[in-house]
Amino acid sequence: MKRILLLFYFLIPTVLFAQKQGEQLVDSLLKALPALPTDTFKVKVLYEISSGYRSFNASEGIKYGQQALEMSTNLEWQKGIAMSYGAIGSNYTGKSDYSKALENLFKALAINETIGNIKGQAVNQINIGVVYMKKGENSTALSYYYKSKKLYEQLRDNNGVSLNLNNISIIYQEQKNYTKALECYNLALDIAKNENNRTQISTTLGNIGVVYFFQKDYKESLAAQFAALAISRELGNKSLMTDNMGNIGVSYRNIAAETTLYLNGDSLIPKGKQANLKLSVDYFNKAIALGREIGYLDAIQEFYSGLSETYTLMGDKEKALESYKQHVSIKNSINSADIKLKIAGLEATREMELKDKELEIEKLKVANTRKERVLYISGIILLLGAVIIIFRKFYSQRRSNQALSMEKRKYLQQIKVQEDVLNDITYAQSHDLREPVSTIVGLAKLYDQENPNAPENKAIIKDIVEVSVKLDNRITSLIRKENKLAAESKDMNKEGDN
């Protein structure tokens, strides 16, 4: 079993308590947080807290990153939104939740590219590279490291260049090009020392120790790992401490497996196979305990596998089996969580699509309602216009009949007939015309305007035409009755004049 130490440090230009690290930094910021007003400075503090938590409590880091995201969104501060997504993504990486990590890191990168934030882009790209490296996609990881390194060189940021050199070296290490890997690591270490960046010094020393491990130079490997562990403890960086102790456990186990390496003990390597195996068990258990404390599942499952191999060398098959079961259980839980996240992502996408469809439907309903109102109002106006015209004629004729009734009683019977005709017209207006108008309005509601070629639309248009013909026939009938009434009135006038 080999545990590759993957460098993960979310490099940021901090402006608050620059010399404090880890839990001390977080505690200081948490005390100052309640008194701060809601502005961009408070977003920066929340971001610092989230980034600080990443090394020892990623779950809390995600919580404060989300608070920073909500606040920066309300403030419409794009840089703050990008910073928040980046911090959330780096914490998900610490929890080995790579799907969520990439989701948030790519959101941060997109915003930083839009606003032209080169430093933000460099940070996002190196952290995206780290995720892909942890996923075993080294080619993709390498491309992001080189992109990030180029941006840091453009900014003349030596810390960023050193950070990328470390991760590029890990790729060489994976390719078993140990000479090139050590060359890049030593360049990175020199830069980190010149910049007095103790976190990078620790991570680089740890990585150098891993290269010596692969070269079976265990003494140099342990020297580098213990030096890295001492700095990690000073910084309170539990993630790095977990890696350091786990890698020390691997080294002692391999020393015990090499029969020629434990015969003569020294300050780092004790004499005797069992002594080295015992140290291997101790450091594996310390790494696993600390990894559980911070939720570092990716490291825990690998160190359980290493612990199983150590117990096998000790001849303790029962503990070897139990450790291996723990390794399998945690590995399966990581894979299961990743699958669940993918399913959740699909469900979220489907839910968003359904919501979009619902909004479209609501918009169509509103549009149709407006059109229905227009049609209904237009129908009422036409109906009222026709009623007014007919009734005006009716009242005009009635007044004329009243004026003539005294002088032309002989025409009383004819006037009665005219009144019957007018009543017939009135009834037709209020009953016969309303029915087809209502039918047309109802059919118009059923017409699918968004899909004119729908089969149902043809039937609706056919029905509208049929009802329109009936309406036209009824209106024609009314006009005939009016003409008949006018003709009778004309005849009466002629008789009156005679």
Protein backbone atom coordinates (compact mmCIF):
# COMPACT_ATOMS: atom_id res chain seq x y z
CA MET A 1 0.00 0.00 0.00
CA LYS A 2 1.28 3.47 -0.76
CA ARG A 3 -0.16 6.69 0.45
CA ILE A 4 0.67 9.57 -1.88
CA LEU A 5 0.65 12.84 -0.03
CA LEU A 6 -1.50 15.15 -2.14
CA LEU A 7 -0.77 18.78 -1.52
CA PHE A 8 -3.85 20.81 -0.80
CA TYR A 9 -3.51 24.37 0.38
CA PHE A 10 -5.99 27.03 -0.53
CA LEU A 11 -3.62 29.94 -1.06
CA ILE A 12 -5.15 33.37 -0.43
CA PRO A 13 -3.75 36.86 0.20
CA THR A 14 -4.97 37.16 3.77
CA VAL A 15 -5.36 40.61 5.29
CA LEU A 16 -6.42 39.52 8.77
CA PHE A 17 -4.15 38.12 11.47
CA ALA A 18 -1.60 37.12 8.83
CA GLN A 19 0.73 35.34 11.25
CA LYS A 20 -1.95 33.13 12.82
CA GLN A 21 -2.82 29.72 11.45
CA GLY A 22 -5.34 26.91 11.89
CA GLU A 23 -7.61 26.90 14.92
CA GLN A 24 -6.01 29.99 16.45
CA LEU A 25 -6.91 32.03 13.38
CA VAL A 26 -10.47 30.68 13.30
CA ASP A 27 -11.02 31.34 17.01
CA SER A 28 -9.83 34.93 16.64
CA LEU A 29 -12.09 35.58 13.67
CA LEU A 30 -15.11 33.96 15.30
CA LYS A 31 -14.78 36.31 18.28
CA ALA A 32 -14.67 39.35 16.00
CA LEU A 33 -17.49 38.22 13.71
CA PRO A 34 -20.65 39.21 15.72
CA ALA A 35 -19.64 42.87 15.99
CA LEU A 36 -19.05 43.34 12.25
CA PRO A 37 -21.62 45.12 10.06
CA THR A 38 -23.02 43.35 7.00
CA ASP A 39 -20.61 44.46 4.29
CA THR A 40 -17.84 43.13 2.07
CA PHE A 41 -15.38 43.11 4.98
CA LYS A 42 -17.61 40.70 6.89
CA VAL A 43 -17.76 38.48 3.80
CA LYS A 44 -13.95 38.39 3.81
CA VAL A 45 -13.96 37.37 7.48
CA LEU A 46 -16.46 34.58 6.84
CA TYR A 47 -14.29 33.46 3.93
CA GLU A 48 -11.18 33.41 6.15
CA ILE A 49 -13.08 31.36 8.75
CA SER A 50 -14.26 28.90 6.09
CA SER A 51 -10.75 28.54 4.65
CA GLY A 52 -9.26 28.12 8.12
CA TYR A 53 -11.71 25.38 9.06
CA ARG A 54 -10.76 23.38 5.98
CA SER A 55 -7.61 22.03 7.61
CA PHE A 56 -9.34 20.63 10.72
CA ASN A 57 -13.16 20.77 10.40
CA ALA A 58 -14.38 20.85 6.80
CA SER A 59 -18.06 20.58 7.75
CA GLU A 60 -17.88 23.84 9.70
CA GLY A 61 -15.89 25.34 6.85
CA ILE A 62 -18.73 24.59 4.44
CA LYS A 63 -21.26 26.18 6.81
CA TYR A 64 -19.34 29.47 7.05
CA GLY A 65 -18.61 29.40 3.32
CA GLN A 66 -22.34 29.24 2.65
CA GLN A 67 -22.91 32.18 5.00
CA ALA A 68 -20.30 34.14 3.04
CA LEU A 69 -22.02 33.15 -0.22
CA GLU A 70 -25.45 34.28 0.98
CA MET A 71 -24.12 37.61 2.24
CA SER A 72 -22.04 38.37 -0.87
CA THR A 73 -25.03 37.46 -3.07
CA ASN A 74 -27.26 39.90 -1.17
CA LEU A 75 -24.55 42.55 -1.53
CA GLU A 76 -24.24 41.70 -5.26
CA TRP A 77 -20.45 41.48 -4.77
CA GLN A 78 -19.21 39.17 -7.52
CA LYS A 79 -15.69 38.76 -6.18
CA GLY A 80 -17.11 37.75 -2.80
CA ILE A 81 -19.42 35.24 -4.46
CA ALA A 82 -16.43 33.69 -6.25
CA MET A 83 -14.39 33.61 -3.03
CA SER A 84 -17.27 31.89 -1.22
CA TYR A 85 -17.72 29.21 -3.88
CA GLY A 86 -13.97 28.60 -3.79
CA ALA A 87 -13.90 28.19 -0.01
CA ILE A 88 -16.89 25.83 -0.10
CA GLY A 89 -15.23 23.79 -2.85
CA SER A 90 -11.94 23.48 -0.97
CA ASN A 91 -13.79 22.24 2.14
CA TYR A 92 -15.67 19.62 0.11
CA THR A 93 -12.28 18.45 -1.19
CA GLY A 94 -11.17 18.05 2.42
CA LYS A 95 -14.21 15.82 2.95
CA SER A 96 -13.36 13.77 -0.18
CA ASP A 97 -16.65 14.89 -1.75
CA TYR A 98 -15.16 15.51 -5.18
CA SER A 99 -18.41 16.06 -7.09
CA LYS A 100 -19.45 18.92 -4.83
CA ALA A 101 -15.89 20.24 -4.75
CA LEU A 102 -15.69 20.55 -8.55
CA GLU A 103 -19.20 21.98 -8.78
CA ASN A 104 -18.32 24.88 -6.47
CA LEU A 105 -14.77 25.42 -7.76
CA PHE A 106 -15.93 25.70 -11.38
CA LYS A 107 -18.59 28.24 -10.33
CA ALA A 108 -15.86 30.28 -8.65
CA LEU A 109 -13.60 30.04 -11.72
CA ALA A 110 -16.38 31.16 -14.09
CA ILE A 111 -17.10 34.27 -12.01
CA ASN A 112 -13.40 35.17 -11.64
CA GLU A 113 -12.93 34.85 -15.41
CA THR A 114 -15.92 37.12 -15.98
CA ILE A 115 -14.66 39.86 -13.64
CA GLY A 116 -11.00 39.47 -14.69
CA ASN A 117 -9.71 38.35 -11.27
CA ILE A 118 -6.41 36.69 -12.24
CA LYS A 119 -5.39 35.77 -8.69
CA GLY A 120 -8.78 34.17 -8.09
CA GLN A 121 -8.46 32.18 -11.33
CA ALA A 122 -5.02 30.91 -10.32
CA VAL A 123 -6.32 29.75 -6.94
CA ASN A 124 -9.36 28.05 -8.48
CA GLN A 125 -7.30 26.26 -11.12
CA ILE A 126 -4.79 24.78 -8.70
CA ASN A 127 -7.59 23.56 -6.43
CA ILE A 128 -9.43 22.05 -9.39
CA GLY A 129 -6.17 20.31 -10.28
CA VAL A 130 -5.95 18.92 -6.76
CA VAL A 131 -9.43 17.39 -7.03
CA TYR A 132 -8.64 15.75 -10.35
CA MET A 133 -5.36 14.44 -8.93
CA LYS A 134 -7.20 12.93 -5.97
CA LYS A 135 -9.60 11.33 -8.47
CA GLY A 136 -6.63 9.79 -10.29
CA GLU A 137 -7.06 11.92 -13.43
CA ASN A 138 -3.45 13.11 -13.58
CA SER A 139 -3.45 14.48 -17.13
CA THR A 140 -6.35 16.79 -16.37
CA ALA A 141 -4.78 17.75 -13.06
CA LEU A 142 -1.47 18.59 -14.74
CA SER A 143 -3.15 20.88 -17.28
CA TYR A 144 -4.75 22.92 -14.49
CA TYR A 145 -1.46 23.10 -12.53
CA TYR A 146 0.37 24.55 -15.53
CA LYS A 147 -2.44 27.06 -16.15
CA SER A 148 -2.27 28.13 -12.52
CA LYS A 149 1.55 28.30 -12.51
CA LYS A 150 1.49 30.56 -15.59
CA LEU A 151 -0.94 32.95 -13.90
CA TYR A 152 1.15 33.04 -10.70
CA GLU A 153 4.26 33.80 -12.74
CA GLN A 154 2.32 36.60 -14.42
CA LEU A 155 1.47 37.94 -10.96
CA ARG A 156 5.06 37.35 -9.74
CA ASP A 157 3.63 35.36 -6.84
CA ASN A 158 6.38 32.98 -5.72
CA ASN A 159 4.16 31.18 -3.22
CA GLY A 160 1.78 30.26 -5.98
CA VAL A 161 4.60 29.12 -8.23
CA SER A 162 5.96 26.95 -5.40
CA LEU A 163 2.53 25.48 -4.78
CA ASN A 164 2.18 24.42 -8.40
CA LEU A 165 5.72 23.03 -8.50
CA ASN A 166 4.77 20.75 -5.62
CA ASN A 167 1.76 19.37 -7.41
CA ILE A 168 3.55 19.06 -10.75
CA SER A 169 6.23 17.09 -8.88
CA ILE A 170 3.56 14.68 -7.62
CA ILE A 171 2.67 13.91 -11.23
CA TYR A 172 6.34 13.14 -11.97
CA GLN A 173 6.32 11.03 -8.85
CA GLU A 174 3.35 9.07 -10.18
CA GLN A 175 5.30 8.54 -13.39
CA LYS A 176 8.24 7.21 -11.29
CA ASN A 177 10.47 10.00 -12.56
CA TYR A 178 11.89 10.54 -9.07
CA THR A 179 14.90 12.61 -10.16
CA LYS A 180 12.64 15.16 -11.86
CA ALA A 181 10.21 15.05 -8.95
CA LEU A 182 12.94 15.84 -6.39
CA GLU A 183 14.27 18.60 -8.61
CA CYS A 184 10.87 20.34 -8.71
CA TYR A 185 10.29 19.75 -4.99
CA ASN A 186 13.62 21.32 -4.05
CA LEU A 187 12.85 24.36 -6.22
CA ALA A 188 9.49 24.65 -4.47
CA LEU A 189 11.12 24.25 -1.04
CA ASP A 190 13.64 27.01 -1.74
CA ILE A 191 10.85 29.38 -2.75
CA ALA A 192 8.77 28.47 0.32
CA LYS A 193 11.75 29.09 2.63
CA ASN A 194 12.52 32.44 1.00
CA GLU A 195 8.88 33.45 1.42
CA ASN A 196 8.82 32.01 4.98
CA ASN A 197 5.65 30.13 4.02
CA ARG A 198 5.62 27.44 6.68
CA THR A 199 2.60 25.62 5.33
CA GLN A 200 4.29 25.12 1.98
CA ILE A 201 7.55 24.20 3.70
CA SER A 202 5.68 21.46 5.58
CA THR A 203 3.83 20.13 2.55
CA THR A 204 6.95 20.19 0.38
CA LEU A 205 9.01 18.34 3.00
CA GLY A 206 6.24 15.75 3.26
CA ASN A 207 6.23 15.28 -0.49
CA ILE A 208 10.02 14.96 -0.57
CA GLY A 209 9.69 12.27 2.09
CA VAL A 210 7.30 10.35 -0.15
CA VAL A 211 9.80 10.41 -3.05
CA TYR A 212 12.56 9.06 -0.80
CA PHE A 213 10.11 6.39 0.34
CA PHE A 214 9.62 5.20 -3.23
CA GLN A 215 13.40 5.14 -3.64
CA LYS A 216 13.54 2.98 -0.46
CA ASP A 217 15.70 5.60 1.22
CA TYR A 218 13.65 5.27 4.42
CA LYS A 219 16.02 7.22 6.64
CA GLU A 220 15.79 10.32 4.43
CA SER A 221 12.07 9.72 4.03
CA LEU A 222 11.46 9.64 7.80
CA ALA A 223 13.67 12.69 8.37
CA ALA A 224 11.61 14.70 5.88
CA GLN A 225 8.28 13.38 7.21
CA PHE A 226 9.11 14.12 10.86
CA ALA A 227 10.28 17.63 9.93
CA ALA A 228 7.00 18.17 8.05
CA LEU A 229 4.98 16.79 10.99
CA ALA A 230 6.65 19.17 13.45
CA ILE A 231 5.71 22.20 11.32
CA SER A 232 2.16 20.87 10.75
CA ARG A 233 1.69 20.60 14.52
CA GLU A 234 2.89 24.18 15.01
CA LEU A 235 0.42 25.36 12.39
CA GLY A 236 -2.43 23.26 13.79
CA ASN A 237 -3.05 21.86 10.30
CA LYS A 238 -4.73 18.54 11.09
CA SER A 239 -5.10 17.55 7.46
CA LEU A 240 -1.34 17.72 6.90
CA MET A 241 -0.70 16.05 10.25
CA THR A 242 -2.93 13.15 9.17
CA ASP A 243 -0.96 12.70 5.95
CA ASN A 244 2.40 13.02 7.72
CA MET A 245 1.60 10.44 10.40
CA GLY A 246 0.06 8.03 7.90
CA ASN A 247 3.13 8.23 5.67
CA ILE A 248 5.40 7.65 8.67
CA GLY A 249 3.34 4.55 9.42
CA VAL A 250 3.86 3.34 5.85
CA SER A 251 7.62 3.92 6.14
CA TYR A 252 7.98 1.92 9.37
CA ARG A 253 5.96 -0.93 7.93
CA ASN A 254 8.16 -1.12 4.83
CA ILE A 255 11.30 -0.91 6.96
CA ALA A 256 10.06 -3.92 8.93
CA ALA A 257 9.43 -5.79 5.67
CA GLU A 258 13.02 -5.22 4.53
CA THR A 259 15.08 -7.78 6.49
CA THR A 260 18.34 -5.87 6.08
CA LEU A 261 17.07 -2.50 7.32
CA TYR A 262 16.22 -3.07 10.96
CA LEU A 263 19.30 -5.01 12.12
CA ASN A 264 21.16 -1.88 13.25
CA GLY A 265 18.99 0.75 14.88
CA ASP A 266 19.55 4.54 14.97
CA SER A 267 17.73 7.67 16.14
CA LEU A 268 14.93 7.28 13.57
CA ILE A 269 14.84 3.56 12.86
CA PRO A 270 14.74 1.26 15.91
CA LYS A 271 16.44 -2.13 15.93
CA GLY A 272 14.23 -5.13 15.32
CA LYS A 273 11.30 -5.95 13.08
CA GLN A 274 8.65 -5.89 15.80
CA ALA A 275 9.77 -2.47 17.05
CA ASN A 276 9.28 -0.99 13.59
CA LEU A 277 5.93 -2.72 13.16
CA LYS A 278 4.78 -1.34 16.51
CA LEU A 279 5.70 2.19 15.42
CA SER A 280 3.84 1.58 12.16
CA VAL A 281 0.68 0.59 14.08
CA ASP A 282 1.01 3.60 16.42
CA TYR A 283 1.32 6.15 13.62
CA PHE A 284 -1.41 4.55 11.50
CA ASN A 285 -3.80 4.68 14.48
CA LYS A 286 -2.89 8.30 15.21
CA ALA A 287 -3.48 9.23 11.55
CA ILE A 288 -6.81 7.38 11.48
CA ALA A 289 -8.01 8.98 14.73
CA LEU A 290 -7.12 12.48 13.55
CA GLY A 291 -8.58 11.77 10.12
CA ARG A 292 -11.89 10.74 11.72
CA GLU A 293 -11.88 13.92 13.78
CA ILE A 294 -11.78 16.10 10.66
CA GLY A 295 -13.77 13.75 8.39
CA TYR A 296 -10.78 12.99 6.12
CA LEU A 297 -12.28 9.78 4.72
CA ASP A 298 -10.00 9.51 1.70
CA ALA A 299 -6.93 9.25 3.95
CA ILE A 300 -8.60 7.02 6.56
CA GLN A 301 -9.57 4.29 4.09
CA GLU A 302 -6.03 4.13 2.71
CA PHE A 303 -4.42 4.06 6.17
CA TYR A 304 -6.74 1.26 7.28
CA SER A 305 -5.47 -0.71 4.30
CA GLY A 306 -1.89 0.00 5.38
CA LEU A 307 -2.69 -0.94 8.98
CA SER A 308 -4.11 -4.26 7.74
CA GLU A 309 -0.82 -5.01 5.98
CA THR A 310 1.13 -4.12 9.12
CA TYR A 311 -0.95 -6.50 11.26
CA THR A 312 -0.42 -9.18 8.63
CA LEU A 313 3.35 -8.79 8.99
CA MET A 314 2.92 -9.01 12.78
CA GLY A 315 1.01 -12.26 12.37
CA ASP A 316 -2.19 -10.84 13.90
CA LYS A 317 -4.67 -12.08 11.31
CA GLU A 318 -7.74 -11.07 13.33
CA LYS A 319 -6.74 -7.39 13.53
CA ALA A 320 -5.54 -7.49 9.94
CA LEU A 321 -8.98 -8.66 8.81
CA GLU A 322 -10.79 -6.11 10.97
CA SER A 323 -8.64 -3.26 9.59
CA TYR A 324 -9.25 -4.40 6.04
CA LYS A 325 -13.00 -4.51 6.66
CA GLN A 326 -12.81 -0.91 7.90
CA HIS A 327 -10.91 0.01 4.74
CA VAL A 328 -13.57 -1.58 2.51
CA SER A 329 -16.44 -0.08 4.52
CA ILE A 330 -15.13 3.48 4.31
CA LYS A 331 -14.18 3.11 0.65
CA ASN A 332 -17.70 1.88 -0.15
CA SER A 333 -19.23 4.75 1.82
CA ILE A 334 -17.18 7.24 -0.22
CA ASN A 335 -18.27 5.63 -3.49
CA SER A 336 -21.89 5.43 -2.31
CA ALA A 337 -21.86 9.08 -1.30
CA ASP A 338 -20.51 10.01 -4.72
CA ILE A 339 -23.29 8.05 -6.44
CA LYS A 340 -25.91 9.65 -4.21
CA LEU A 341 -24.53 13.07 -5.04
CA LYS A 342 -24.77 12.33 -8.76
CA ILE A 343 -28.38 11.15 -8.34
CA ALA A 344 -29.17 14.22 -6.25
CA GLY A 345 -27.67 16.36 -8.99
CA LEU A 346 -29.89 14.71 -11.61
CA GLU A 347 -32.95 15.13 -9.40
CA ALA A 348 -32.10 18.78 -8.82
CA THR A 349 -31.72 19.30 -12.57
CA ARG A 350 -35.06 17.61 -13.21
CA GLU A 351 -36.70 19.71 -10.51
CA MET A 352 -35.36 22.88 -12.10
CA GLU A 353 -36.64 21.80 -15.51
CA LEU A 354 -40.08 21.10 -14.05
CA LYS A 355 -40.12 24.51 -12.39
CA ASP A 356 -39.18 26.13 -15.70
CA LYS A 357 -42.04 24.26 -17.40
CA GLU A 358 -44.43 25.35 -14.67
CA LEU A 359 -43.39 28.97 -15.20
CA GLU A 360 -43.94 28.63 -18.94
CA ILE A 361 -47.38 27.15 -18.33
CA GLU A 362 -48.25 29.98 -15.96
CA LYS A 363 -47.13 32.52 -18.55
CA LEU A 364 -49.31 30.84 -21.17
CA LYS A 365 -52.25 30.83 -18.78
CA VAL A 366 -51.83 34.56 -18.17
CA ALA A 367 -51.55 35.24 -21.91
CA ASN A 368 -54.60 33.10 -22.66
CA THR A 369 -56.57 34.79 -19.91
CA ARG A 370 -55.79 38.19 -21.40
CA LYS A 371 -56.84 37.04 -24.86
CA GLU A 372 -60.03 35.53 -23.47
CA ARG A 373 -60.84 38.82 -21.78
CA VAL A 374 -60.26 40.71 -25.03
CA LEU A 375 -62.53 38.33 -26.95
CA TYR A 376 -65.20 38.38 -24.28
CA ILE A 377 -65.17 42.17 -23.96
CA SER A 378 -65.22 42.56 -27.75
CA GLY A 379 -68.22 40.22 -27.93
CA ILE A 380 -70.05 42.14 -25.23
CA ILE A 381 -69.34 45.45 -26.97
CA LEU A 382 -70.67 44.12 -30.26
CA LEU A 383 -73.71 42.70 -28.54
CA LEU A 384 -74.41 45.93 -26.67
CA GLY A 385 -73.94 47.91 -29.91
CA ALA A 386 -76.49 45.76 -31.68
CA VAL A 387 -78.93 46.00 -28.75
CA ILE A 388 -78.57 49.78 -28.61
CA ILE A 389 -79.21 50.14 -32.32
CA ILE A 390 -82.26 47.89 -32.23
CA PHE A 391 -83.70 49.49 -29.13
CA ARG A 392 -83.12 52.98 -30.50
CA LYS A 393 -85.11 52.01 -33.53
CA PHE A 394 -87.68 50.36 -31.31
CA TYR A 395 -88.19 53.43 -29.15
CA SER A 396 -88.15 55.71 -32.15
CA GLN A 397 -90.82 53.64 -33.81
CA ARG A 398 -92.80 53.41 -30.62
CA ARG A 399 -92.85 57.19 -30.21
CA SER A 400 -93.95 57.48 -33.79
CA ASN A 401 -96.72 54.96 -33.16
CA GLN A 402 -97.86 56.85 -30.08
CA ALA A 403 -98.05 60.08 -32.08
CA LEU A 404 -100.02 58.40 -34.82
CA SER A 405 -102.28 56.34 -32.57
CA MET A 406 -104.64 59.24 -31.91
CA GLU A 407 -105.05 60.09 -35.58
CA LYS A 408 -104.79 56.70 -37.19
CA ARG A 409 -106.62 54.25 -34.99
CA LYS A 410 -107.51 52.34 -38.06
CA TYR A 411 -103.91 51.21 -38.24
CA LEU A 412 -103.93 49.87 -34.69
CA GLN A 413 -103.82 46.30 -35.83
CA GLN A 414 -100.84 46.98 -38.07
CA ILE A 415 -98.98 48.70 -35.23
CA LYS A 416 -99.62 45.64 -33.04
CA VAL A 417 -98.00 43.49 -35.70
CA GLN A 418 -94.99 45.82 -35.78
CA GLU A 419 -94.64 45.61 -32.02
CA ASP A 420 -94.65 41.80 -32.22
CA VAL A 421 -91.86 41.95 -34.81
CA LEU A 422 -89.82 44.25 -32.58
CA ASN A 423 -90.31 41.96 -29.61
CA ASP A 424 -89.16 39.07 -31.74
CA ILE A 425 -86.03 41.02 -32.66
CA THR A 426 -85.38 41.89 -29.03
CA TYR A 427 -85.71 38.27 -27.97
CA ALA A 428 -83.40 37.14 -30.73
CA GLN A 429 -80.81 39.73 -29.69
CA SER A 430 -80.83 38.76 -26.03
CA HIS A 431 -81.03 34.97 -26.58
CA ASP A 432 -80.19 33.81 -30.09
CA LEU A 433 -77.10 36.02 -30.48
CA ARG A 434 -75.61 35.42 -27.02
CA GLU A 435 -75.44 31.65 -27.43
CA PRO A 436 -73.15 31.61 -30.53
CA VAL A 437 -70.99 34.44 -29.15
CA SER A 438 -70.43 32.47 -25.92
CA THR A 439 -69.68 29.36 -27.94
CA ILE A 440 -67.06 31.19 -30.02
CA VAL A 441 -65.39 32.55 -26.85
CA GLY A 442 -65.30 29.07 -25.32
CA LEU A 443 -63.78 27.51 -28.44
CA ALA A 444 -61.15 30.27 -28.58
CA LYS A 445 -60.02 29.31 -25.08
CA LEU A 446 -59.42 25.74 -26.22
CA TYR A 447 -57.29 26.79 -29.19
CA ASP A 448 -53.58 25.84 -28.62
CA GLN A 449 -51.80 29.03 -29.72
CA GLU A 450 -48.33 27.65 -28.86
CA ASN A 451 -48.84 24.68 -31.22
CA PRO A 452 -51.00 25.84 -34.17
CA ASN A 453 -50.51 22.51 -35.95
CA ALA A 454 -52.04 20.50 -33.11
CA PRO A 455 -54.77 18.09 -34.37
CA GLU A 456 -57.28 19.48 -31.88
CA ASN A 457 -56.93 22.99 -33.38
CA LYS A 458 -58.41 21.84 -36.71
CA ALA A 459 -61.55 20.59 -34.99
CA ILE A 460 -61.81 23.80 -32.96
CA ILE A 461 -61.49 25.98 -36.08
CA LYS A 462 -64.16 23.87 -37.81
CA ASP A 463 -66.53 24.35 -34.86
CA ILE A 464 -65.85 28.10 -34.77
CA VAL A 465 -66.68 28.34 -38.51
CA GLU A 466 -69.94 26.42 -38.04
CA VAL A 467 -71.01 28.57 -35.10
CA SER A 468 -70.01 31.74 -37.00
CA VAL A 469 -72.22 30.67 -39.93
CA LYS A 470 -75.14 30.16 -37.54
CA LEU A 471 -74.49 33.58 -35.98
CA ASP A 472 -74.39 35.15 -39.45
CA ASN A 473 -77.71 33.47 -40.35
CA ARG A 474 -79.34 34.78 -37.21
CA ILE A 475 -78.06 38.30 -37.80
CA THR A 476 -79.31 38.08 -41.41
CA SER A 477 -82.70 37.01 -40.07
CA LEU A 478 -82.77 40.01 -37.77
CA ILE A 479 -81.90 42.33 -40.66
CA ARG A 480 -84.72 40.85 -42.69
CA LYS A 481 -87.14 41.45 -39.89
CA GLU A 482 -85.89 45.03 -39.60
CA ASN A 483 -86.32 45.51 -43.34
CA LYS A 484 -89.80 44.07 -43.10
CA LEU A 485 -90.61 46.45 -40.24
CA ALA A 486 -89.20 49.41 -42.20
CA ALA A 487 -91.24 48.46 -45.27
CA GLU A 488 -94.46 48.23 -43.27
CA SER A 489 -93.71 51.58 -41.66
CA LYS A 490 -93.15 53.12 -45.11
CA ASP A 491 -96.43 51.75 -46.35
CA MET A 492 -98.22 53.15 -43.34
CA ASN A 493 -96.69 56.57 -43.94
CA LYS A 494 -97.78 56.54 -47.53
CA GLU A 495 -101.31 55.61 -46.50
CA GLY A 496 -101.25 58.40 -43.92
CA ASP A 497 -100.16 60.96 -46.49
CA ASN A 498 -102.98 59.86 -48.78
